[in-house]
Amino acid sequence: MTTVLVVGVFGLVAIGLYGLLIVRNLIKIVIALQLLTKAAALAMVVAGQVSGQVNLGQSLALTVIVADTIVAVVGLALAVQVRRRFGTLDVRQLSTQKR
């Protein structure tokens, strides 16, 4: 059971890193960051299960999920404002634009 969860953690990390390295859309970057933090939360639960302190792992994971949700909401709000101001969400186009 634990090996399946560890494989799940590595899978989520791989998909999140792939998204960060390949995707250029700001909203998709926020989603990739969400996948990475969910992998970290799952890793905390697995670590708690392996060490015999399941409650600690679950409470740490819940704290990470709450903080991550707040960060995601702020990131998406910033993406909306960037889209309104510059007319694009493409990171490469945003980096070359002048104010």
N, C-alpha and C. Protein backbone atom coordinates (compact mmCIF):
# COMPACT_ATOMS: atom_id res chain seq x y z
N MET A 1 0.82 -1.20 0.00
CA MET A 1 0.00 0.00 0.00
C MET A 1 0.86 1.26 0.00
N THR A 2 1.91 1.25 0.80
CA THR A 2 2.78 2.42 0.88
C THR A 2 3.52 2.65 -0.44
N THR A 3 3.90 1.58 -1.12
CA THR A 3 4.62 1.77 -2.38
C THR A 3 3.72 2.40 -3.44
N VAL A 4 2.44 2.09 -3.41
CA VAL A 4 1.50 2.71 -4.35
C VAL A 4 1.41 4.21 -4.08
N LEU A 5 1.38 4.59 -2.83
CA LEU A 5 1.31 6.01 -2.48
C LEU A 5 2.59 6.74 -2.85
N VAL A 6 3.73 6.10 -2.66
CA VAL A 6 5.00 6.71 -3.04
C VAL A 6 5.07 6.90 -4.55
N VAL A 7 4.60 5.91 -5.29
CA VAL A 7 4.55 6.05 -6.75
C VAL A 7 3.61 7.20 -7.14
N GLY A 8 2.51 7.34 -6.43
CA GLY A 8 1.59 8.45 -6.66
C GLY A 8 2.24 9.80 -6.40
N VAL A 9 3.04 9.88 -5.33
CA VAL A 9 3.76 11.11 -5.02
C VAL A 9 4.72 11.46 -6.14
N PHE A 10 5.52 10.47 -6.57
CA PHE A 10 6.48 10.73 -7.64
C PHE A 10 5.78 11.07 -8.95
N GLY A 11 4.63 10.46 -9.20
CA GLY A 11 3.87 10.78 -10.40
C GLY A 11 3.37 12.21 -10.39
N LEU A 12 2.82 12.64 -9.25
CA LEU A 12 2.35 14.02 -9.14
C LEU A 12 3.50 15.02 -9.26
N VAL A 13 4.64 14.70 -8.67
CA VAL A 13 5.81 15.57 -8.78
C VAL A 13 6.26 15.67 -10.24
N ALA A 14 6.30 14.54 -10.92
CA ALA A 14 6.74 14.54 -12.32
C ALA A 14 5.79 15.35 -13.19
N ILE A 15 4.49 15.18 -13.01
CA ILE A 15 3.52 15.93 -13.81
C ILE A 15 3.61 17.43 -13.49
N GLY A 16 3.77 17.77 -12.22
CA GLY A 16 3.89 19.18 -11.84
C GLY A 16 5.14 19.82 -12.40
N LEU A 17 6.27 19.13 -12.33
CA LEU A 17 7.51 19.68 -12.88
C LEU A 17 7.43 19.81 -14.40
N TYR A 18 6.82 18.82 -15.04
CA TYR A 18 6.63 18.90 -16.49
C TYR A 18 5.79 20.13 -16.84
N GLY A 19 4.75 20.36 -16.07
CA GLY A 19 3.90 21.52 -16.31
C GLY A 19 4.64 22.83 -16.11
N LEU A 20 5.48 22.90 -15.09
CA LEU A 20 6.24 24.13 -14.86
C LEU A 20 7.27 24.38 -15.95
N LEU A 21 7.86 23.33 -16.47
CA LEU A 21 8.92 23.50 -17.46
C LEU A 21 8.39 23.72 -18.87
N ILE A 22 7.24 23.19 -19.21
CA ILE A 22 6.75 23.22 -20.58
C ILE A 22 5.69 24.30 -20.81
N VAL A 23 4.80 24.48 -19.88
CA VAL A 23 3.63 25.35 -20.09
C VAL A 23 4.03 26.81 -19.98
N ARG A 24 3.38 27.66 -20.80
CA ARG A 24 3.67 29.09 -20.78
C ARG A 24 2.49 29.92 -20.29
N ASN A 25 1.34 29.32 -20.08
CA ASN A 25 0.15 30.02 -19.63
C ASN A 25 0.19 30.16 -18.11
N LEU A 26 -0.10 31.37 -17.61
CA LEU A 26 -0.03 31.61 -16.17
C LEU A 26 -1.00 30.75 -15.37
N ILE A 27 -2.20 30.54 -15.88
CA ILE A 27 -3.17 29.75 -15.15
C ILE A 27 -2.72 28.29 -15.08
N LYS A 28 -2.17 27.78 -16.16
CA LYS A 28 -1.67 26.41 -16.16
C LYS A 28 -0.45 26.26 -15.25
N ILE A 29 0.32 27.31 -15.11
CA ILE A 29 1.45 27.28 -14.17
C ILE A 29 0.94 27.18 -12.73
N VAL A 30 -0.13 27.91 -12.42
CA VAL A 30 -0.73 27.82 -11.08
C VAL A 30 -1.24 26.40 -10.83
N ILE A 31 -1.83 25.78 -11.85
CA ILE A 31 -2.32 24.41 -11.70
C ILE A 31 -1.15 23.45 -11.48
N ALA A 32 -0.04 23.66 -12.20
CA ALA A 32 1.13 22.81 -12.00
C ALA A 32 1.69 22.96 -10.59
N LEU A 33 1.69 24.17 -10.07
CA LEU A 33 2.12 24.39 -8.69
C LEU A 33 1.18 23.70 -7.71
N GLN A 34 -0.11 23.68 -8.02
CA GLN A 34 -1.08 22.97 -7.18
C GLN A 34 -0.76 21.48 -7.14
N LEU A 35 -0.41 20.92 -8.29
CA LEU A 35 -0.05 19.50 -8.32
C LEU A 35 1.17 19.22 -7.46
N LEU A 36 2.15 20.11 -7.50
CA LEU A 36 3.35 19.91 -6.68
C LEU A 36 3.04 19.97 -5.19
N THR A 37 2.19 20.89 -4.80
CA THR A 37 1.87 20.98 -3.37
C THR A 37 0.99 19.81 -2.91
N LYS A 38 0.13 19.33 -3.81
CA LYS A 38 -0.65 18.14 -3.45
C LYS A 38 0.25 16.92 -3.30
N ALA A 39 1.30 16.86 -4.10
CA ALA A 39 2.28 15.78 -3.95
C ALA A 39 2.99 15.89 -2.60
N ALA A 40 3.31 17.10 -2.20
CA ALA A 40 3.95 17.28 -0.89
C ALA A 40 3.02 16.89 0.24
N ALA A 41 1.75 17.24 0.12
CA ALA A 41 0.77 16.87 1.15
C ALA A 41 0.61 15.36 1.23
N LEU A 42 0.55 14.71 0.08
CA LEU A 42 0.45 13.25 0.06
C LEU A 42 1.71 12.61 0.65
N ALA A 43 2.86 13.21 0.39
CA ALA A 43 4.11 12.70 0.95
C ALA A 43 4.10 12.82 2.47
N MET A 44 3.51 13.89 3.00
CA MET A 44 3.43 14.05 4.46
C MET A 44 2.54 12.97 5.07
N VAL A 45 1.44 12.66 4.41
CA VAL A 45 0.56 11.61 4.91
C VAL A 45 1.27 10.27 4.87
N VAL A 46 1.98 9.98 3.79
CA VAL A 46 2.72 8.72 3.68
C VAL A 46 3.81 8.64 4.75
N ALA A 47 4.52 9.75 4.96
CA ALA A 47 5.57 9.76 5.99
C ALA A 47 4.98 9.54 7.38
N GLY A 48 3.82 10.13 7.63
CA GLY A 48 3.16 9.92 8.92
C GLY A 48 2.73 8.48 9.10
N GLN A 49 2.27 7.86 8.02
CA GLN A 49 1.85 6.47 8.09
C GLN A 49 3.04 5.55 8.33
N VAL A 50 4.14 5.83 7.66
CA VAL A 50 5.33 4.99 7.81
C VAL A 50 5.92 5.12 9.21
N SER A 51 5.91 6.34 9.76
CA SER A 51 6.50 6.56 11.08
C SER A 51 5.56 6.19 12.22
N GLY A 52 4.31 5.89 11.90
CA GLY A 52 3.36 5.53 12.94
C GLY A 52 2.63 6.70 13.55
N GLN A 53 2.83 7.89 12.99
CA GLN A 53 2.16 9.09 13.49
C GLN A 53 1.23 9.63 12.41
N VAL A 54 0.19 8.88 12.15
CA VAL A 54 -0.73 9.21 11.06
C VAL A 54 -1.41 10.56 11.30
N ASN A 55 -1.78 10.82 12.54
CA ASN A 55 -2.48 12.08 12.85
C ASN A 55 -1.61 13.30 12.57
N LEU A 56 -0.34 13.22 12.88
CA LEU A 56 0.57 14.33 12.61
C LEU A 56 0.71 14.58 11.12
N GLY A 57 0.88 13.52 10.35
CA GLY A 57 1.00 13.66 8.90
C GLY A 57 -0.25 14.24 8.28
N GLN A 58 -1.41 13.80 8.75
CA GLN A 58 -2.67 14.32 8.20
C GLN A 58 -2.89 15.78 8.58
N SER A 59 -2.54 16.16 9.80
CA SER A 59 -2.73 17.55 10.20
C SER A 59 -1.77 18.48 9.46
N LEU A 60 -0.54 18.03 9.24
CA LEU A 60 0.39 18.82 8.44
C LEU A 60 -0.09 18.96 7.00
N ALA A 61 -0.60 17.88 6.44
CA ALA A 61 -1.11 17.92 5.07
C ALA A 61 -2.30 18.86 4.96
N LEU A 62 -3.18 18.84 5.94
CA LEU A 62 -4.33 19.74 5.92
C LEU A 62 -3.89 21.20 6.00
N THR A 63 -2.89 21.48 6.82
CA THR A 63 -2.36 22.84 6.92
C THR A 63 -1.77 23.29 5.59
N VAL A 64 -1.04 22.41 4.92
CA VAL A 64 -0.45 22.74 3.63
C VAL A 64 -1.55 22.98 2.59
N ILE A 65 -2.59 22.19 2.61
CA ILE A 65 -3.68 22.35 1.64
C ILE A 65 -4.38 23.69 1.84
N VAL A 66 -4.62 24.09 3.08
CA VAL A 66 -5.28 25.37 3.35
C VAL A 66 -4.41 26.53 2.89
N ALA A 67 -3.14 26.50 3.23
CA ALA A 67 -2.23 27.57 2.82
C ALA A 67 -2.08 27.61 1.30
N ASP A 68 -2.03 26.44 0.69
CA ASP A 68 -1.88 26.36 -0.76
C ASP A 68 -3.11 26.89 -1.48
N THR A 69 -4.27 26.68 -0.93
CA THR A 69 -5.49 27.19 -1.54
C THR A 69 -5.49 28.72 -1.54
N ILE A 70 -5.03 29.30 -0.46
CA ILE A 70 -4.95 30.76 -0.39
C ILE A 70 -3.97 31.28 -1.43
N VAL A 71 -2.84 30.63 -1.56
CA VAL A 71 -1.84 31.04 -2.55
C VAL A 71 -2.40 30.90 -3.97
N ALA A 72 -3.14 29.83 -4.22
CA ALA A 72 -3.72 29.62 -5.55
C ALA A 72 -4.74 30.70 -5.89
N VAL A 73 -5.56 31.08 -4.92
CA VAL A 73 -6.56 32.13 -5.16
C VAL A 73 -5.88 33.45 -5.48
N VAL A 74 -4.84 33.78 -4.74
CA VAL A 74 -4.11 35.02 -5.01
C VAL A 74 -3.43 34.95 -6.38
N GLY A 75 -2.84 33.81 -6.71
CA GLY A 75 -2.19 33.66 -8.01
C GLY A 75 -3.16 33.78 -9.16
N LEU A 76 -4.33 33.19 -9.03
CA LEU A 76 -5.34 33.30 -10.08
C LEU A 76 -5.88 34.71 -10.19
N ALA A 77 -6.03 35.40 -9.07
CA ALA A 77 -6.47 36.80 -9.11
C ALA A 77 -5.43 37.67 -9.82
N LEU A 78 -4.16 37.40 -9.55
CA LEU A 78 -3.10 38.14 -10.25
C LEU A 78 -3.10 37.82 -11.74
N ALA A 79 -3.37 36.58 -12.10
CA ALA A 79 -3.43 36.20 -13.52
C ALA A 79 -4.57 36.93 -14.22
N VAL A 80 -5.70 37.07 -13.55
CA VAL A 80 -6.82 37.80 -14.15
C VAL A 80 -6.45 39.26 -14.37
N GLN A 81 -5.78 39.86 -13.39
CA GLN A 81 -5.37 41.26 -13.53
C GLN A 81 -4.32 41.44 -14.63
N VAL A 82 -3.41 40.49 -14.75
CA VAL A 82 -2.41 40.54 -15.82
C VAL A 82 -3.10 40.44 -17.17
N ARG A 83 -4.08 39.57 -17.28
CA ARG A 83 -4.82 39.41 -18.55
C ARG A 83 -5.57 40.69 -18.90
N ARG A 84 -6.16 41.34 -17.91
CA ARG A 84 -6.87 42.60 -18.18
C ARG A 84 -5.90 43.71 -18.60
N ARG A 85 -4.76 43.75 -17.95
CA ARG A 85 -3.82 44.85 -18.21
C ARG A 85 -3.04 44.66 -19.50
N PHE A 86 -2.53 43.44 -19.73
CA PHE A 86 -1.63 43.21 -20.87
C PHE A 86 -2.29 42.45 -22.01
N GLY A 87 -3.44 41.85 -21.79
CA GLY A 87 -4.14 41.16 -22.85
C GLY A 87 -3.62 39.77 -23.17
N THR A 88 -2.74 39.24 -22.36
CA THR A 88 -2.21 37.90 -22.61
C THR A 88 -1.83 37.24 -21.29
N LEU A 89 -1.79 35.92 -21.32
CA LEU A 89 -1.32 35.15 -20.17
C LEU A 89 -0.04 34.39 -20.50
N ASP A 90 0.49 34.59 -21.70
CA ASP A 90 1.71 33.91 -22.13
C ASP A 90 2.92 34.54 -21.45
N VAL A 91 3.68 33.73 -20.75
CA VAL A 91 4.81 34.22 -19.96
C VAL A 91 5.87 34.83 -20.86
N ARG A 92 6.12 34.24 -22.01
CA ARG A 92 7.15 34.78 -22.91
C ARG A 92 6.76 36.15 -23.45
N GLN A 93 5.50 36.32 -23.79
CA GLN A 93 5.06 37.62 -24.27
C GLN A 93 5.08 38.66 -23.15
N LEU A 94 4.76 38.25 -21.95
CA LEU A 94 4.79 39.18 -20.82
C LEU A 94 6.20 39.63 -20.50
N SER A 95 7.16 38.73 -20.65
CA SER A 95 8.55 39.10 -20.32
C SER A 95 9.16 40.06 -21.34
N THR A 96 8.62 40.09 -22.55
CA THR A 96 9.16 40.99 -23.57
C THR A 96 8.40 42.31 -23.66
N GLN A 97 7.26 42.42 -23.01
CA GLN A 97 6.48 43.64 -23.09
C GLN A 97 7.10 44.72 -22.23
N LYS A 98 6.96 45.94 -22.72
CA LYS A 98 7.41 47.08 -21.95
C LYS A 98 6.20 47.81 -21.44
N ARG A 99 6.36 48.44 -20.35
CA ARG A 99 5.27 49.13 -19.70
C ARG A 99 4.93 50.36 -20.39
